Amino acid sequence: MLVFFIHGVSTKKSTYAEALIKNIKKEVRKTKVETSLYFYSSYWGNLFNHKKHQLIDYIDKDYSRACKQHPEYKSWQDDIYRYRCRRKELISNFLGDFLIYQNPKRGQLIRKRIFEEFNQFIQDHPKETQIHFIAHSLGSLILWDILFSDIISNDDSVLQFRDKLHRLDLVSITTLGSPLLFLKEMLDIDFSIVNSIIDKSSSKNSGNSYQLKWVNIIHSSDLIAYPLKAAIENEISSDLLFFDQYVWQDANGTELTLRNMGQSDMAMVIAAEDAHSSYFADNLDGAITARIISYNLLGETNKLLERCVTPKLK
């Protein structure tokens, strides 16, 4: 089976999924199931770095102008425009990538890059017929556009992408740290479109009563990730089996300490960034994520039905 990753915001290395892939392989080996797994981590994170740098340069230039205009406040210049380093991190790590993808032309170029990588992946494994997608953060919106969006232009590489997918069995989707709940409201996404798509592209003879399985994994401290089932359950058909699954861990030791001290607001801020990237970490969070993903890849739906909160590994 083929497993294709699509990353989200703040991904600076093409090796972002290596630890998670290692843990998924370990979990699959434990099951004694004989299967061939081939992974590909698509990477588009370097496409528009210059636009983020340009935005930060503009801000720095305006800040410098304000400082020069008011030399009498030289000792308090950091107060003129507070939290500059944090603001730059916010642009580089979150807002920049999200806003870049919303630009239609740039979004189209990102999807083109992903299609080229996907096409090469399936060409390298011509005998494999099953495809699984794993998407993180903004990557879940990119995956939605690739698989399901009905507002794609005629020159978008998504159409070629879907043509390739028609030759494969779309078996599962896993979303990690996904903001699709809010994007559904913002973009007025109707999940009923999934029903017609899976009829065309999913296998009806895979030995499973469901044509597509979708697991939405949420780290309990991740402010970007939200459950989705209640928002879509009246739109999706019984051919799509959807699960929300929670990774019930503290994102770091400082979060745990602050929560125990009753400082929940501070704990939330301290945990946010680590929690959003925790799915790929080589730690307990990543191991739990890998176990849930392995259940989805192997069709272990009963284990997903048994519990939706996973505090630790047995």
Protein backbone atom coordinates (compact mmCIF):
# COMPACT_ATOMS: atom_id res chain seq x y z
CA MET A 1 0.00 0.00 0.00
CA LEU A 2 1.05 3.59 -0.68
CA VAL A 3 1.02 6.19 2.11
CA PHE A 4 1.33 9.83 1.03
CA PHE A 5 1.94 12.71 3.46
CA ILE A 6 0.95 16.35 2.95
CA HIS A 7 2.40 18.75 5.52
CA GLY A 8 0.97 22.00 6.81
CA VAL A 9 2.35 25.26 8.15
CA SER A 10 5.84 25.82 9.54
CA THR A 11 7.46 22.79 7.91
CA LYS A 12 11.05 23.58 7.07
CA LYS A 13 12.48 20.14 6.26
CA SER A 14 11.43 17.45 3.79
CA THR A 15 12.26 14.87 6.47
CA TYR A 16 9.41 16.07 8.72
CA ALA A 17 7.64 12.66 8.84
CA GLU A 18 10.63 10.35 9.40
CA ALA A 19 10.05 9.69 13.10
CA LEU A 20 6.33 9.11 12.57
CA ILE A 21 6.99 6.73 9.66
CA LYS A 22 9.43 4.77 11.83
CA ASN A 23 6.80 4.45 14.56
CA ILE A 24 4.06 3.46 12.11
CA LYS A 25 6.27 0.66 10.74
CA LYS A 26 6.93 -0.50 14.30
CA GLU A 27 3.20 -0.60 15.08
CA VAL A 28 2.40 -2.48 11.88
CA ARG A 29 5.11 -5.06 12.63
CA LYS A 30 3.49 -5.74 16.02
CA THR A 31 0.27 -6.82 14.32
CA LYS A 32 2.04 -9.60 12.35
CA VAL A 33 0.02 -8.50 9.30
CA GLU A 34 1.89 -9.22 6.09
CA THR A 35 1.75 -6.06 4.03
CA SER A 36 4.06 -3.86 1.99
CA LEU A 37 4.12 -0.22 3.08
CA TYR A 38 5.64 2.53 0.93
CA PHE A 39 5.78 6.09 2.28
CA TYR A 40 6.28 9.45 0.60
CA SER A 41 6.52 12.80 2.40
CA SER A 42 5.53 15.48 -0.08
CA TYR A 43 7.18 18.84 0.49
CA TRP A 44 6.12 22.32 -0.62
CA GLY A 45 7.32 24.33 2.41
CA ASN A 46 10.10 26.18 0.57
CA LEU A 47 8.01 27.45 -2.34
CA PHE A 48 7.16 30.93 -1.05
CA ASN A 49 9.64 31.62 1.72
CA HIS A 50 10.60 34.86 0.00
CA LYS A 51 7.05 36.18 0.45
CA LYS A 52 7.18 35.60 4.21
CA HIS A 53 10.60 37.24 4.42
CA GLN A 54 9.30 40.16 2.38
CA LEU A 55 6.38 40.67 4.75
CA ILE A 56 8.69 40.66 7.78
CA ASP A 57 11.00 43.14 6.04
CA TYR A 58 8.08 45.51 5.47
CA ILE A 59 7.16 45.36 9.15
CA ASP A 60 10.77 45.96 10.23
CA LYS A 61 11.02 48.96 7.90
CA ASP A 62 7.87 50.57 9.29
CA TYR A 63 9.00 49.91 12.86
CA SER A 64 12.38 51.55 12.16
CA ARG A 65 10.64 54.59 10.71
CA ALA A 66 8.52 54.95 13.84
CA CYS A 67 11.63 54.75 16.03
CA LYS A 68 13.48 57.39 13.99
CA GLN A 69 10.48 59.69 14.06
CA HIS A 70 10.45 59.55 17.88
CA PRO A 71 14.06 59.57 19.16
CA GLU A 72 12.76 60.82 22.50
CA TYR A 73 11.48 57.27 23.15
CA LYS A 74 14.82 55.57 22.47
CA SER A 75 14.82 53.81 25.84
CA TRP A 76 11.30 52.48 25.26
CA GLN A 77 11.45 51.53 21.60
CA ASP A 78 10.50 47.92 22.33
CA ASP A 79 7.20 49.24 23.63
CA ILE A 80 6.35 51.01 20.37
CA TYR A 81 5.60 47.71 18.64
CA ARG A 82 5.59 44.94 21.24
CA TYR A 83 6.44 41.25 20.95
CA ARG A 84 8.26 41.66 17.63
CA CYS A 85 10.08 38.34 17.80
CA ARG A 86 6.88 36.48 18.59
CA ARG A 87 5.05 38.27 15.78
CA LYS A 88 7.78 37.23 13.33
CA GLU A 89 7.49 33.64 14.53
CA LEU A 90 3.73 33.80 14.05
CA ILE A 91 4.19 34.96 10.45
CA SER A 92 6.93 32.42 9.69
CA ASN A 93 5.31 29.49 11.46
CA PHE A 94 1.58 29.94 10.95
CA LEU A 95 0.01 32.96 9.27
CA GLY A 96 2.48 33.18 6.40
CA ASP A 97 1.86 29.70 4.99
CA PHE A 98 -1.88 29.88 5.60
CA LEU A 99 -2.26 33.21 3.81
CA ILE A 100 0.03 32.16 0.97
CA TYR A 101 -2.16 29.14 0.24
CA GLN A 102 -5.31 31.30 0.16
CA ASN A 103 -3.87 33.17 -2.86
CA PRO A 104 -5.43 31.25 -5.80
CA LYS A 105 -2.33 31.28 -8.01
CA ARG A 106 0.06 30.34 -5.22
CA GLY A 107 -2.30 27.65 -3.97
CA GLN A 108 -2.40 26.25 -7.47
CA LEU A 109 1.43 26.12 -7.61
CA ILE A 110 1.53 24.32 -4.26
CA ARG A 111 -0.94 21.72 -5.53
CA LYS A 112 1.11 21.37 -8.73
CA ARG A 113 4.24 20.59 -6.71
CA ILE A 114 2.35 18.00 -4.67
CA PHE A 115 0.91 16.41 -7.81
CA GLU A 116 4.36 16.08 -9.37
CA GLU A 117 5.64 14.31 -6.27
CA PHE A 118 2.55 12.08 -6.08
CA ASN A 119 2.85 11.16 -9.74
CA GLN A 120 6.48 10.16 -9.27
CA PHE A 121 5.55 8.13 -6.18
CA ILE A 122 2.95 6.01 -7.94
CA GLN A 123 5.20 5.59 -11.00
CA ASP A 124 7.88 4.19 -8.69
CA HIS A 125 5.41 1.59 -7.37
CA PRO A 126 3.31 0.53 -10.38
CA LYS A 127 2.08 -2.70 -8.78
CA GLU A 128 0.56 -0.99 -5.75
CA THR A 129 -3.18 -0.29 -5.98
CA GLN A 130 -4.10 1.10 -2.54
CA ILE A 131 -3.50 4.72 -1.55
CA HIS A 132 -3.71 6.28 1.93
CA PHE A 133 -3.35 10.00 2.67
CA ILE A 134 -2.04 11.59 5.87
CA ALA A 135 -2.36 15.38 6.10
CA HIS A 136 -1.30 17.76 8.85
CA SER A 137 -2.72 21.17 9.72
CA LEU A 138 -3.16 23.28 6.56
CA GLY A 139 -2.33 20.10 4.64
CA SER A 140 -5.84 18.85 5.48
CA LEU A 141 -7.32 21.78 3.51
CA ILE A 142 -4.87 21.15 0.66
CA LEU A 143 -5.92 17.48 0.66
CA TRP A 144 -9.58 18.51 0.66
CA ASP A 145 -8.98 20.69 -2.40
CA ILE A 146 -7.09 17.89 -4.15
CA LEU A 147 -9.67 15.18 -3.50
CA PHE A 148 -13.02 16.88 -3.13
CA SER A 149 -13.23 20.60 -3.95
CA ASP A 150 -15.72 21.50 -6.69
CA ILE A 151 -14.35 25.02 -7.30
CA ILE A 152 -11.14 24.03 -9.07
CA SER A 153 -10.20 25.80 -12.32
CA ASN A 154 -9.75 23.84 -15.53
CA ASP A 155 -6.00 24.42 -15.60
CA ASP A 156 -5.41 23.16 -12.06
CA SER A 157 -3.19 20.07 -11.70
CA VAL A 158 -5.83 18.71 -9.31
CA LEU A 159 -7.66 17.37 -12.35
CA GLN A 160 -4.60 15.32 -13.32
CA PHE A 161 -4.26 14.26 -9.71
CA ARG A 162 -7.82 12.90 -9.67
CA ASP A 163 -7.28 11.14 -12.97
CA LYS A 164 -4.37 9.25 -11.42
CA LEU A 165 -6.44 8.46 -8.34
CA HIS A 166 -9.15 6.82 -10.43
CA ARG A 167 -6.66 4.04 -11.13
CA LEU A 168 -6.10 3.45 -7.42
CA ASP A 169 -8.22 2.46 -4.43
CA LEU A 170 -8.56 5.37 -2.02
CA VAL A 171 -8.67 3.43 1.25
CA SER A 172 -8.06 5.88 4.10
CA ILE A 173 -7.46 9.46 5.13
CA THR A 174 -5.82 10.56 8.38
CA THR A 175 -5.83 14.22 9.36
CA LEU A 176 -3.54 15.50 12.12
CA GLY A 177 -3.98 18.82 13.91
CA SER A 178 -6.66 19.81 11.41
CA PRO A 179 -8.57 23.13 11.42
CA LEU A 180 -11.17 21.78 8.95
CA LEU A 181 -14.02 22.50 11.38
CA PHE A 182 -13.40 26.25 11.06
CA LEU A 183 -12.46 26.10 7.40
CA LYS A 184 -15.75 24.33 6.75
CA GLU A 185 -17.58 27.31 8.22
CA MET A 186 -15.33 29.94 6.62
CA LEU A 187 -15.44 28.41 3.15
CA ASP A 188 -18.94 26.91 3.42
CA ILE A 189 -17.62 23.40 2.71
CA ASP A 190 -20.32 20.78 2.22
CA PHE A 191 -19.01 17.30 3.04
CA SER A 192 -21.78 15.60 1.08
CA ILE A 193 -19.56 15.98 -1.99
CA VAL A 194 -17.38 13.22 -0.52
CA ASN A 195 -20.19 10.73 -1.13
CA SER A 196 -20.11 11.03 -4.90
CA ILE A 197 -16.31 11.12 -5.06
CA ILE A 198 -15.76 7.92 -3.08
CA ASP A 199 -18.26 6.11 -5.28
CA LYS A 200 -15.95 6.80 -8.22
CA SER A 201 -12.52 6.37 -6.66
CA SER A 202 -12.78 3.87 -3.80
CA SER A 203 -12.71 0.12 -3.99
CA LYS A 204 -15.97 -1.72 -3.34
CA ASN A 205 -14.12 -5.05 -3.18
CA SER A 206 -11.47 -4.40 -0.55
CA GLY A 207 -12.99 -6.79 1.96
CA ASN A 208 -14.29 -3.89 4.06
CA SER A 209 -17.88 -2.70 4.40
CA TYR A 210 -16.73 0.93 4.16
CA GLN A 211 -15.44 2.50 0.98
CA LEU A 212 -13.35 5.07 2.86
CA LYS A 213 -12.09 5.45 6.43
CA TRP A 214 -11.18 8.86 7.81
CA VAL A 215 -9.51 9.39 11.19
CA ASN A 216 -9.13 12.92 12.55
CA ILE A 217 -6.41 12.95 15.26
CA ILE A 218 -6.46 15.77 17.80
CA HIS A 219 -3.78 16.47 20.39
CA SER A 220 -5.66 17.64 23.46
CA SER A 221 -3.52 20.80 23.76
CA ASP A 222 -3.44 21.69 20.06
CA LEU A 223 -5.30 24.97 19.52
CA ILE A 224 -5.41 24.43 15.75
CA ALA A 225 -7.03 20.97 15.95
CA TYR A 226 -10.74 20.43 16.51
CA PRO A 227 -13.19 17.50 16.31
CA LEU A 228 -15.26 17.35 13.16
CA LYS A 229 -17.78 14.53 13.36
CA ALA A 230 -20.80 16.44 14.69
CA ALA A 231 -20.36 19.08 11.98
CA ILE A 232 -20.36 16.58 9.11
CA GLU A 233 -22.28 13.49 10.25
CA ASN A 234 -25.53 14.63 8.60
CA GLU A 235 -23.71 15.25 5.32
CA ILE A 236 -21.66 12.07 4.89
CA SER A 237 -23.02 8.71 3.79
CA SER A 238 -22.54 5.37 5.53
CA ASP A 239 -19.82 4.55 2.98
CA LEU A 240 -17.50 6.93 4.85
CA LEU A 241 -16.47 5.78 8.32
CA PHE A 242 -15.32 8.83 10.28
CA PHE A 243 -13.57 8.92 13.66
CA ASP A 244 -12.30 11.70 15.90
CA GLN A 245 -9.39 10.42 18.01
CA TYR A 246 -7.70 12.30 20.87
CA VAL A 247 -4.06 12.12 21.95
CA TRP A 248 -4.50 12.90 25.63
CA GLN A 249 -1.04 14.07 26.65
CA ASP A 250 0.60 17.25 27.89
CA ALA A 251 2.59 18.86 25.08
CA ASN A 252 5.59 19.48 27.32
CA GLY A 253 6.64 19.42 30.97
CA THR A 254 6.05 23.13 31.42
CA GLU A 255 2.41 22.78 30.40
CA LEU A 256 1.91 20.05 33.00
CA THR A 257 3.60 22.13 35.70
CA LEU A 258 1.52 25.22 34.92
CA ARG A 259 -1.73 23.26 34.82
CA ASN A 260 -0.93 21.73 38.22
CA MET A 261 -0.35 25.27 39.51
CA GLY A 262 -3.76 26.36 38.20
CA GLN A 263 -2.19 28.56 35.50
CA SER A 264 -4.31 27.16 32.68
CA ASP A 265 -4.13 30.24 30.41
CA MET A 266 -0.33 30.32 30.56
CA ALA A 267 -0.21 26.54 30.08
CA MET A 268 -2.33 26.88 26.95
CA VAL A 269 0.07 29.41 25.42
CA ILE A 270 3.19 27.43 26.37
CA ALA A 271 1.78 24.19 24.95
CA ALA A 272 0.33 25.46 21.67
CA GLU A 273 3.31 25.18 19.33
CA ASP A 274 4.65 21.88 20.69
CA ALA A 275 1.18 20.35 20.65
CA HIS A 276 0.61 21.26 17.01
CA SER A 277 3.83 19.55 15.91
CA SER A 278 3.62 16.68 18.42
CA TYR A 279 2.14 14.20 15.95
CA PHE A 280 5.53 13.94 14.22
CA ALA A 281 7.63 13.86 17.40
CA ASP A 282 9.74 10.85 18.39
CA ASN A 283 8.10 10.66 21.81
CA LEU A 284 4.95 9.29 23.42
CA ASP A 285 2.71 11.70 21.47
CA GLY A 286 4.18 10.51 18.19
CA ALA A 287 3.97 6.86 19.23
CA ILE A 288 0.28 7.17 20.09
CA THR A 289 -0.34 8.96 16.79
CA ALA A 290 1.47 6.17 14.94
CA ARG A 291 -0.67 3.52 16.62
CA ILE A 292 -3.91 5.25 15.63
CA ILE A 293 -2.64 5.68 12.06
CA SER A 294 -1.65 2.01 11.86
CA TYR A 295 -5.20 1.03 12.87
CA ASN A 296 -6.54 3.16 10.03
CA LEU A 297 -4.06 1.82 7.47
CA LEU A 298 -4.81 -1.80 8.37
CA GLY A 299 -8.57 -1.35 8.67
CA GLU A 300 -8.64 -2.11 12.42
CA THR A 301 -11.92 -0.24 12.81
CA ASN A 302 -13.00 -2.12 15.93
CA LYS A 303 -9.98 -0.78 17.81
CA LEU A 304 -10.86 2.74 16.72
CA LEU A 305 -14.45 2.22 17.83
CA GLU A 306 -13.43 0.91 21.25
CA ARG A 307 -12.00 4.22 22.47
CA CYS A 308 -11.44 7.70 21.12
CA VAL A 309 -9.11 8.94 23.91
CA THR A 310 -5.63 7.43 24.11
CA PRO A 311 -3.73 8.51 27.25
CA LYS A 312 -0.93 5.96 27.02
CA LEU A 313 0.36 2.94 25.15
CA LYS A 314 0.01 -0.56 26.53
